[in-house]
């Protein structure tokens, strides 16, 4: 992910300009990184260190999604639909 792609994601999901800490932005950035690593692992299936990092990112995204579900169910539904993430509950 390059700077332009990252800035585009932040602008799209941020609550205000320069917002990088909100759960929506963090989930969107993690989803982009997860998609990139998934494509990498399809080619390099023996890269176990990357697989471990990918699993850690998926776990972190799940925690953030659970937090967002507790705090703001409407935002949770919106972001899962926009990013194509399966809902847990």
Protein backbone atom coordinates (compact mmCIF):
# COMPACT_ATOMS: atom_id res chain seq x y z
CA UNK A 1 0.00 0.00 0.00
CA UNK A 2 1.48 3.33 -1.03
CA UNK A 3 0.90 6.77 0.49
CA UNK A 4 -1.74 7.78 -2.04
CA UNK A 5 -3.84 4.67 -1.43
CA UNK A 6 -3.50 5.11 2.32
CA UNK A 7 -4.52 8.79 2.12
CA UNK A 8 -7.53 7.86 -0.03
CA UNK A 9 -8.72 5.30 2.55
CA UNK A 10 -8.25 7.79 5.39
CA UNK A 11 -10.20 10.47 3.50
CA UNK A 12 -13.02 8.06 2.69
CA UNK A 13 -13.53 6.54 6.16
CA UNK A 14 -12.24 9.30 8.46
CA UNK A 15 -14.59 11.32 10.61
CA UNK A 16 -12.65 14.49 9.84
CA UNK A 17 -9.55 15.45 7.88
CA UNK A 18 -6.41 13.68 9.12
CA UNK A 19 -8.34 11.20 11.27
CA UNK A 20 -6.28 8.03 11.59
CA UNK A 21 -7.34 6.79 14.99
CA UNK A 22 -11.04 6.12 14.60
CA UNK A 23 -12.01 2.45 14.45
CA UNK A 24 -13.54 2.88 11.00
CA UNK A 25 -10.23 4.06 9.52
CA UNK A 26 -8.23 1.40 11.35
CA UNK A 27 -10.56 -1.35 10.09
CA UNK A 28 -10.38 -0.05 6.51
CA UNK A 29 -6.58 0.18 6.56
CA UNK A 30 -6.25 -3.29 8.06
CA UNK A 31 -8.63 -4.67 5.42
CA UNK A 32 -6.47 -3.23 2.64
CA UNK A 33 -3.33 -4.75 4.16
CA UNK A 34 -5.09 -8.09 4.71
CA UNK A 35 -6.18 -8.18 1.06
CA UNK A 36 -2.62 -7.46 -0.09
CA UNK A 37 -1.11 -10.15 2.13
CA UNK A 38 -3.74 -12.67 1.06
CA UNK A 39 -2.75 -12.14 -2.57
CA UNK A 40 0.93 -12.49 -1.59
CA UNK A 41 0.28 -15.76 0.24
CA UNK A 42 -1.57 -17.25 -2.73
CA UNK A 43 1.71 -17.02 -4.66
CA UNK A 44 4.14 -17.62 -1.77
CA UNK A 45 2.28 -20.28 0.19
CA UNK A 46 5.35 -21.32 2.23
CA UNK A 47 5.88 -17.83 3.70
CA UNK A 48 4.91 -18.70 7.26
CA UNK A 49 6.16 -15.47 8.87
CA UNK A 50 3.81 -13.47 6.65
CA UNK A 51 0.99 -15.88 7.44
CA UNK A 52 1.55 -15.26 11.17
CA UNK A 53 1.41 -11.49 10.64
CA UNK A 54 -1.75 -11.87 8.57
CA UNK A 55 -3.45 -13.85 11.32
CA UNK A 56 -2.49 -11.16 13.86
CA UNK A 57 -4.01 -8.46 11.62
CA UNK A 58 -7.21 -10.47 11.19
CA UNK A 59 -7.47 -10.85 14.98
CA UNK A 60 -6.93 -7.11 15.51
CA UNK A 61 -9.56 -6.25 12.89
CA UNK A 62 -11.99 -8.62 14.60
CA UNK A 63 -11.41 -6.88 17.95
CA UNK A 64 -11.99 -3.48 16.37
CA UNK A 65 -15.16 -4.72 14.67
CA UNK A 66 -16.48 -6.07 17.98
CA UNK A 67 -15.76 -2.71 19.61
CA UNK A 68 -17.56 -0.87 16.82
CA UNK A 69 -20.52 -3.26 17.11
CA UNK A 70 -20.83 -2.48 20.83
CA UNK A 71 -20.42 1.28 20.46
CA UNK A 72 -22.14 2.11 17.17
CA UNK A 73 -24.13 -0.67 15.49
CA UNK A 74 -25.12 1.53 12.54
CA UNK A 75 -21.47 2.30 11.67
CA UNK A 76 -20.64 -1.40 12.06
CA UNK A 77 -23.31 -2.39 9.54
CA UNK A 78 -22.19 0.33 7.14
CA UNK A 79 -18.48 -0.50 7.22
CA UNK A 80 -18.97 -4.27 6.93
CA UNK A 81 -21.21 -3.75 3.90
CA UNK A 82 -18.78 -1.30 2.28
CA UNK A 83 -15.68 -3.44 2.80
CA UNK A 84 -17.37 -6.78 2.16
CA UNK A 85 -16.57 -8.22 5.59
CA UNK A 86 -18.71 -11.06 6.90
CA UNK A 87 -20.60 -10.18 10.06
CA UNK A 88 -19.97 -12.21 13.20
CA UNK A 89 -23.26 -11.55 14.96
